[in-house]
PDB file of N, CA and C in Angstrom:
ATOM      1  N   MET A   1     -10.125  -5.420  18.706  1.00  0.00           N
ATOM      2  CA  MET A   1     -10.158  -4.723  17.435  1.00  0.00           C
ATOM      3  C   MET A   1      -8.737  -4.348  17.016  1.00  0.00           C
ATOM      4  N   VAL A   2      -8.533  -4.389  15.729  1.00  0.00           N
ATOM      5  CA  VAL A   2      -7.219  -4.055  15.187  1.00  0.00           C
ATOM      6  C   VAL A   2      -7.383  -2.967  14.131  1.00  0.00           C
ATOM      7  N   ALA A   3      -6.561  -1.916  14.269  1.00  0.00           N
ATOM      8  CA  ALA A   3      -6.567  -0.812  13.303  1.00  0.00           C
ATOM      9  C   ALA A   3      -5.153  -0.589  12.792  1.00  0.00           C
ATOM     10  N   VAL A   4      -5.037  -0.217  11.539  1.00  0.00           N
ATOM     11  CA  VAL A   4      -3.745   0.131  10.942  1.00  0.00           C
ATOM     12  C   VAL A   4      -3.867   1.490  10.277  1.00  0.00           C
ATOM     13  N   ARG A   5      -2.739   2.166  10.206  1.00  0.00           N
ATOM     14  CA  ARG A   5      -2.698   3.476   9.556  1.00  0.00           C
ATOM     15  C   ARG A   5      -1.475   3.534   8.655  1.00  0.00           C
ATOM     16  N   LEU A   6      -1.690   3.853   7.418  1.00  0.00           N
ATOM     17  CA  LEU A   6      -0.611   3.959   6.430  1.00  0.00           C
ATOM     18  C   LEU A   6       0.104   5.287   6.605  1.00  0.00           C
ATOM     19  N   ARG A   7       1.399   5.236   6.676  1.00  0.00           N
ATOM     20  CA  ARG A   7       2.155   6.480   6.793  1.00  0.00           C
ATOM     21  C   ARG A   7       2.469   7.018   5.398  1.00  0.00           C
ATOM     22  N   PRO A   8       2.582   8.334   5.265  1.00  0.00           N
ATOM     23  CA  PRO A   8       2.982   8.883   3.958  1.00  0.00           C
ATOM     24  C   PRO A   8       4.456   8.583   3.685  1.00  0.00           C
ATOM     25  N   LEU A   9       4.820   8.618   2.421  1.00  0.00           N
ATOM     26  CA  LEU A   9       6.227   8.436   2.075  1.00  0.00           C
ATOM     27  C   LEU A   9       7.042   9.605   2.621  1.00  0.00           C
ATOM     28  N   TRP A  10       8.246   9.300   3.088  1.00  0.00           N
ATOM     29  CA  TRP A  10       9.142  10.348   3.560  1.00  0.00           C
ATOM     30  C   TRP A  10       9.706  11.101   2.372  1.00  0.00           C
ATOM     31  N   LYS A  11      10.245  12.277   2.648  1.00  0.00           N
ATOM     32  CA  LYS A  11      10.793  13.121   1.588  1.00  0.00           C
ATOM     33  C   LYS A  11      11.903  12.401   0.820  1.00  0.00           C
ATOM     34  N   ASN A  12      12.793  11.735   1.540  1.00  0.00           N
ATOM     35  CA  ASN A  12      13.892  11.035   0.839  1.00  0.00           C
ATOM     36  C   ASN A  12      13.366   9.899  -0.035  1.00  0.00           C
ATOM     37  N   GLU A  13      12.234   9.306   0.333  1.00  0.00           N
ATOM     38  CA  GLU A  13      11.641   8.259  -0.493  1.00  0.00           C
ATOM     39  C   GLU A  13      11.059   8.848  -1.780  1.00  0.00           C
ATOM     40  N   THR A  14      10.365   9.971  -1.666  1.00  0.00           N
ATOM     41  CA  THR A  14       9.820  10.592  -2.873  1.00  0.00           C
ATOM     42  C   THR A  14      10.937  11.177  -3.734  1.00  0.00           C
ATOM     43  N   ASP A  15      12.009  11.662  -3.095  1.00  0.00           N
ATOM     44  CA  ASP A  15      13.156  12.178  -3.859  1.00  0.00           C
ATOM     45  C   ASP A  15      13.837  11.073  -4.669  1.00  0.00           C
ATOM     46  N   ASN A  16      13.765   9.850  -4.177  1.00  0.00           N
ATOM     47  CA  ASN A  16      14.354   8.700  -4.879  1.00  0.00           C
ATOM     48  C   ASN A  16      13.363   8.033  -5.822  1.00  0.00           C
ATOM     49  N   ASN A  17      12.232   8.719  -6.092  1.00  0.00           N
ATOM     50  CA  ASN A  17      11.192   8.218  -7.002  1.00  0.00           C
ATOM     51  C   ASN A  17      10.613   6.875  -6.565  1.00  0.00           C
ATOM     52  N   GLU A  18      10.577   6.647  -5.253  1.00  0.00           N
ATOM     53  CA  GLU A  18       9.959   5.434  -4.744  1.00  0.00           C
ATOM     54  C   GLU A  18       8.455   5.626  -4.696  1.00  0.00           C
ATOM     55  N   VAL A  19       7.719   4.535  -4.832  1.00  0.00           N
ATOM     56  CA  VAL A  19       6.262   4.583  -4.802  1.00  0.00           C
ATOM     57  C   VAL A  19       5.748   3.670  -3.697  1.00  0.00           C
ATOM     58  N   SER A  20       4.567   3.975  -3.219  1.00  0.00           N
ATOM     59  CA  SER A  20       3.949   3.161  -2.179  1.00  0.00           C
ATOM     60  C   SER A  20       3.394   1.885  -2.790  1.00  0.00           C
ATOM     61  N   ILE A  21       3.627   0.773  -2.116  1.00  0.00           N
ATOM     62  CA  ILE A  21       3.090  -0.501  -2.586  1.00  0.00           C
ATOM     63  C   ILE A  21       1.810  -0.860  -1.832  1.00  0.00           C
ATOM     64  N   VAL A  22       1.386   0.021  -0.935  1.00  0.00           N
ATOM     65  CA  VAL A  22       0.220  -0.249  -0.090  1.00  0.00           C
ATOM     66  C   VAL A  22      -0.980   0.532  -0.605  1.00  0.00           C
ATOM     67  N   LYS A  23      -2.123  -0.151  -0.628  1.00  0.00           N
ATOM     68  CA  LYS A  23      -3.370   0.489  -1.038  1.00  0.00           C
ATOM     69  C   LYS A  23      -4.451   0.098  -0.036  1.00  0.00           C
ATOM     70  N   ILE A  24      -5.239   1.081   0.395  1.00  0.00           N
ATOM     71  CA  ILE A  24      -6.324   0.849   1.337  1.00  0.00           C
ATOM     72  C   ILE A  24      -7.636   0.822   0.562  1.00  0.00           C
ATOM     73  N   LEU A  25      -8.423  -0.245   0.772  1.00  0.00           N
ATOM     74  CA  LEU A  25      -9.742  -0.364   0.141  1.00  0.00           C
ATOM     75  C   LEU A  25     -10.804  -0.523   1.226  1.00  0.00           C
ATOM     76  N   ASP A  26     -11.919   0.118   1.029  1.00  0.00           N
ATOM     77  CA  ASP A  26     -13.097  -0.072   1.893  1.00  0.00           C
ATOM     78  C   ASP A  26     -12.859   0.199   3.376  1.00  0.00           C
ATOM     79  N   GLU A  27     -11.837   0.919   3.719  1.00  0.00           N
ATOM     80  CA  GLU A  27     -11.484   1.248   5.107  1.00  0.00           C
ATOM     81  C   GLU A  27     -11.328   0.011   5.992  1.00  0.00           C
ATOM     82  N   LYS A  28     -11.136  -1.146   5.375  1.00  0.00           N
ATOM     83  CA  LYS A  28     -10.910  -2.384   6.127  1.00  0.00           C
ATOM     84  C   LYS A  28      -9.884  -3.294   5.468  1.00  0.00           C
ATOM     85  N   LEU A  29      -9.711  -3.150   4.173  1.00  0.00           N
ATOM     86  CA  LEU A  29      -8.855  -4.052   3.406  1.00  0.00           C
ATOM     87  C   LEU A  29      -7.571  -3.339   2.989  1.00  0.00           C
ATOM     88  N   VAL A  30      -6.438  -3.985   3.273  1.00  0.00           N
ATOM     89  CA  VAL A  30      -5.128  -3.457   2.910  1.00  0.00           C
ATOM     90  C   VAL A  30      -4.531  -4.385   1.868  1.00  0.00           C
ATOM     91  N   ILE A  31      -4.093  -3.807   0.761  1.00  0.00           N
ATOM     92  CA  ILE A  31      -3.466  -4.584  -0.312  1.00  0.00           C
ATOM     93  C   ILE A  31      -2.001  -4.168  -0.414  1.00  0.00           C
ATOM     94  N   LEU A  32      -1.128  -5.159  -0.364  1.00  0.00           N
ATOM     95  CA  LEU A  32       0.302  -4.936  -0.569  1.00  0.00           C
ATOM     96  C   LEU A  32       0.651  -5.466  -1.948  1.00  0.00           C
ATOM     97  N   ARG A  33       1.033  -4.559  -2.817  1.00  0.00           N
ATOM     98  CA  ARG A  33       1.397  -4.973  -4.173  1.00  0.00           C
ATOM     99  C   ARG A  33       2.852  -5.410  -4.206  1.00  0.00           C
ATOM    100  N   ASP A  34       3.162  -6.286  -5.116  1.00  0.00           N
ATOM    101  CA  ASP A  34       4.525  -6.795  -5.266  1.00  0.00           C
ATOM    102  C   ASP A  34       5.412  -5.677  -5.818  1.00  0.00           C
ATOM    103  N   PRO A  35       6.477  -5.319  -5.100  1.00  0.00           N
ATOM    104  CA  PRO A  35       7.364  -4.250  -5.595  1.00  0.00           C
ATOM    105  C   PRO A  35       7.964  -4.546  -6.960  1.00  0.00           C
ATOM    106  N   GLN A  36       8.147  -5.814  -7.283  1.00  0.00           N
ATOM    107  CA  GLN A  36       8.718  -6.162  -8.581  1.00  0.00           C
ATOM    108  C   GLN A  36       7.760  -5.866  -9.721  1.00  0.00           C
ATOM    109  N   ASP A  37       6.477  -5.708  -9.422  1.00  0.00           N
ATOM    110  CA  ASP A  37       5.524  -5.343 -10.474  1.00  0.00           C
ATOM    111  C   ASP A  37       5.878  -4.001 -11.091  1.00  0.00           C
ATOM    112  N   PHE A  38       6.478  -3.130 -10.309  1.00  0.00           N
ATOM    113  CA  PHE A  38       6.859  -1.816 -10.808  1.00  0.00           C
ATOM    114  C   PHE A  38       8.158  -1.884 -11.602  1.00  0.00           C
ATOM    115  N   ASP A  39       9.054  -2.789 -11.204  1.00  0.00           N
ATOM    116  CA  ASP A  39      10.352  -2.915 -11.876  1.00  0.00           C
ATOM    117  C   ASP A  39      10.276  -3.755 -13.144  1.00  0.00           C
ATOM    118  N   ASP A  40       9.384  -4.732 -13.152  1.00  0.00           N
ATOM    119  CA  ASP A  40       9.338  -5.708 -14.240  1.00  0.00           C
ATOM    120  C   ASP A  40       8.148  -5.513 -15.165  1.00  0.00           C
ATOM    121  N   GLU A  41       7.725  -4.274 -15.382  1.00  0.00           N
ATOM    122  CA  GLU A  41       6.558  -4.040 -16.236  1.00  0.00           C
ATOM    123  C   GLU A  41       6.756  -4.561 -17.648  1.00  0.00           C
ATOM    124  N   LYS A  42       8.001  -4.651 -18.088  1.00  0.00           N
ATOM    125  CA  LYS A  42       8.282  -5.136 -19.441  1.00  0.00           C
ATOM    126  C   LYS A  42       8.574  -6.636 -19.468  1.00  0.00           C
ATOM    127  N   ASN A  43       8.613  -7.260 -18.315  1.00  0.00           N
ATOM    128  CA  ASN A  43       8.917  -8.681 -18.240  1.00  0.00           C
ATOM    129  C   ASN A  43       7.674  -9.480 -18.618  1.00  0.00           C
ATOM    130  N   GLU A  44       7.684 -10.103 -19.758  1.00  0.00           N
ATOM    131  CA  GLU A  44       6.525 -10.832 -20.289  1.00  0.00           C
ATOM    132  C   GLU A  44       6.174 -12.073 -19.457  1.00  0.00           C
ATOM    133  N   LEU A  45       7.155 -12.700 -18.832  1.00  0.00           N
ATOM    134  CA  LEU A  45       6.885 -13.905 -18.074  1.00  0.00           C
ATOM    135  C   LEU A  45       6.069 -13.629 -16.806  1.00  0.00           C
ATOM    136  N   ARG A  46       6.229 -12.453 -16.218  1.00  0.00           N
ATOM    137  CA  ARG A  46       5.523 -12.101 -14.987  1.00  0.00           C
ATOM    138  C   ARG A  46       4.260 -11.291 -15.253  1.00  0.00           C
ATOM    139  N   LYS A  47       3.966 -11.014 -16.476  1.00  0.00           N
ATOM    140  CA  LYS A  47       2.896 -10.087 -16.826  1.00  0.00           C
ATOM    141  C   LYS A  47       1.539 -10.453 -16.222  1.00  0.00           C
ATOM    142  N   ASN A  48       1.151 -11.702 -16.279  1.00  0.00           N
ATOM    143  CA  ASN A  48      -0.160 -12.129 -15.789  1.00  0.00           C
ATOM    144  C   ASN A  48      -0.095 -12.795 -14.419  1.00  0.00           C
ATOM    145  N   ARG A  49       0.972 -12.563 -13.731  1.00  0.00           N
ATOM    146  CA  ARG A  49       1.159 -13.192 -12.429  1.00  0.00           C
ATOM    147  C   ARG A  49       1.281 -12.120 -11.371  1.00  0.00           C
ATOM    148  N   THR A  50       0.513 -12.225 -10.331  1.00  0.00           N
ATOM    149  CA  THR A  50       0.586 -11.229  -9.277  1.00  0.00           C
ATOM    150  C   THR A  50       0.942 -11.899  -7.955  1.00  0.00           C
ATOM    151  N   ARG A  51       1.638 -11.178  -7.139  1.00  0.00           N
ATOM    152  CA  ARG A  51       1.999 -11.659  -5.812  1.00  0.00           C
ATOM    153  C   ARG A  51       1.463 -10.714  -4.748  1.00  0.00           C
ATOM    154  N   GLU A  52       0.413 -10.025  -5.056  1.00  0.00           N
ATOM    155  CA  GLU A  52      -0.122  -9.098  -4.071  1.00  0.00           C
ATOM    156  C   GLU A  52      -0.714  -9.867  -2.898  1.00  0.00           C
ATOM    157  N   LYS A  53      -0.643  -9.241  -1.742  1.00  0.00           N
ATOM    158  CA  LYS A  53      -1.175  -9.814  -0.513  1.00  0.00           C
ATOM    159  C   LYS A  53      -2.329  -8.945  -0.036  1.00  0.00           C
ATOM    160  N   ARG A  54      -3.352  -9.568   0.535  1.00  0.00           N
ATOM    161  CA  ARG A  54      -4.519  -8.849   1.049  1.00  0.00           C
ATOM    162  C   ARG A  54      -4.675  -9.166   2.524  1.00  0.00           C
ATOM    163  N   TYR A  55      -4.920  -8.112   3.300  1.00  0.00           N
ATOM    164  CA  TYR A  55      -5.112  -8.258   4.737  1.00  0.00           C
ATOM    165  C   TYR A  55      -6.356  -7.483   5.142  1.00  0.00           C
ATOM    166  N   ALA A  56      -7.169  -8.064   6.004  1.00  0.00           N
ATOM    167  CA  ALA A  56      -8.381  -7.400   6.478  1.00  0.00           C
ATOM    168  C   ALA A  56      -8.197  -7.005   7.948  1.00  0.00           C
ATOM    169  N   PHE A  57      -8.631  -5.799   8.280  1.00  0.00           N
ATOM    170  CA  PHE A  57      -8.559  -5.268   9.631  1.00  0.00           C
ATOM    171  C   PHE A  57      -9.923  -4.697  10.002  1.00  0.00           C
ATOM    172  N   ASP A  58     -10.105  -4.425  11.267  1.00  0.00           N
ATOM    173  CA  ASP A  58     -11.339  -3.770  11.689  1.00  0.00           C
ATOM    174  C   ASP A  58     -11.408  -2.352  11.132  1.00  0.00           C
ATOM    175  N   PHE A  59     -10.246  -1.687  11.108  1.00  0.00           N
ATOM    176  CA  PHE A  59     -10.146  -0.336  10.555  1.00  0.00           C
ATOM    177  C   PHE A  59      -8.820  -0.207   9.834  1.00  0.00           C
ATOM    178  N   ALA A  60      -8.830   0.400   8.668  1.00  0.00           N
ATOM    179  CA  ALA A  60      -7.607   0.682   7.916  1.00  0.00           C
ATOM    180  C   ALA A  60      -7.684   2.126   7.432  1.00  0.00           C
ATOM    181  N   PHE A  61      -6.711   2.926   7.834  1.00  0.00           N
ATOM    182  CA  PHE A  61      -6.698   4.348   7.501  1.00  0.00           C
ATOM    183  C   PHE A  61      -5.564   4.641   6.526  1.00  0.00           C
ATOM    184  N   ASP A  62      -5.832   5.495   5.546  1.00  0.00           N
ATOM    185  CA  ASP A  62      -4.785   5.852   4.589  1.00  0.00           C
ATOM    186  C   ASP A  62      -3.904   6.964   5.152  1.00  0.00           C
ATOM    187  N   GLU A  63      -2.937   7.391   4.348  1.00  0.00           N
ATOM    188  CA  GLU A  63      -1.954   8.379   4.810  1.00  0.00           C
ATOM    189  C   GLU A  63      -2.536   9.779   4.981  1.00  0.00           C
ATOM    190  N   ASN A  64      -3.723  10.023   4.482  1.00  0.00           N
ATOM    191  CA  ASN A  64      -4.335  11.351   4.587  1.00  0.00           C
ATOM    192  C   ASN A  64      -5.321  11.477   5.742  1.00  0.00           C
ATOM    193  N   THR A  65      -5.497  10.424   6.512  1.00  0.00           N
ATOM    194  CA  THR A  65      -6.459  10.438   7.604  1.00  0.00           C
ATOM    195  C   THR A  65      -5.917  11.254   8.778  1.00  0.00           C
ATOM    196  N   GLU A  66      -6.760  12.112   9.298  1.00  0.00           N
ATOM    197  CA  GLU A  66      -6.399  12.943  10.446  1.00  0.00           C
ATOM    198  C   GLU A  66      -6.326  12.079  11.714  1.00  0.00           C
ATOM    199  N   THR A  67      -5.464  12.462  12.631  1.00  0.00           N
ATOM    200  CA  THR A  67      -5.295  11.734  13.889  1.00  0.00           C
ATOM    201  C   THR A  67      -6.602  11.684  14.681  1.00  0.00           C
ATOM    202  N   ASP A  68      -7.374  12.760  14.661  1.00  0.00           N
ATOM    203  CA  ASP A  68      -8.647  12.783  15.393  1.00  0.00           C
ATOM    204  C   ASP A  68      -9.588  11.679  14.911  1.00  0.00           C
ATOM    205  N   LYS A  69      -9.600  11.402  13.635  1.00  0.00           N
ATOM    206  CA  LYS A  69     -10.473  10.357  13.117  1.00  0.00           C
ATOM    207  C   LYS A  69     -10.010   8.974  13.557  1.00  0.00           C
ATOM    208  N   VAL A  70      -8.710   8.791  13.648  1.00  0.00           N
ATOM    209  CA  VAL A  70      -8.157   7.498  14.069  1.00  0.00           C
ATOM    210  C   VAL A  70      -8.575   7.193  15.503  1.00  0.00           C
ATOM    211  N   PHE A  71      -8.506   8.211  16.371  1.00  0.00           N
ATOM    212  CA  PHE A  71      -8.848   7.994  17.776  1.00  0.00           C
ATOM    213  C   PHE A  71     -10.322   8.225  18.020  1.00  0.00           C
TER     214      PHE A  71
END
């Protein structure tokens, strides 16, 4: 079995207005969004094109999950 846990952004990351590109769905599916999607929102050529990646795990926990639940 494979489990992953998303860490919260560090303070210096939030201070630099960085955003998380990771999203957890259904407690099994992890989606990594393309970081350029956030930078190129006005770029018309990339508008309908996505480079997101999807990964499936036995368990996927978000940044708010307590350690007790993980174990």
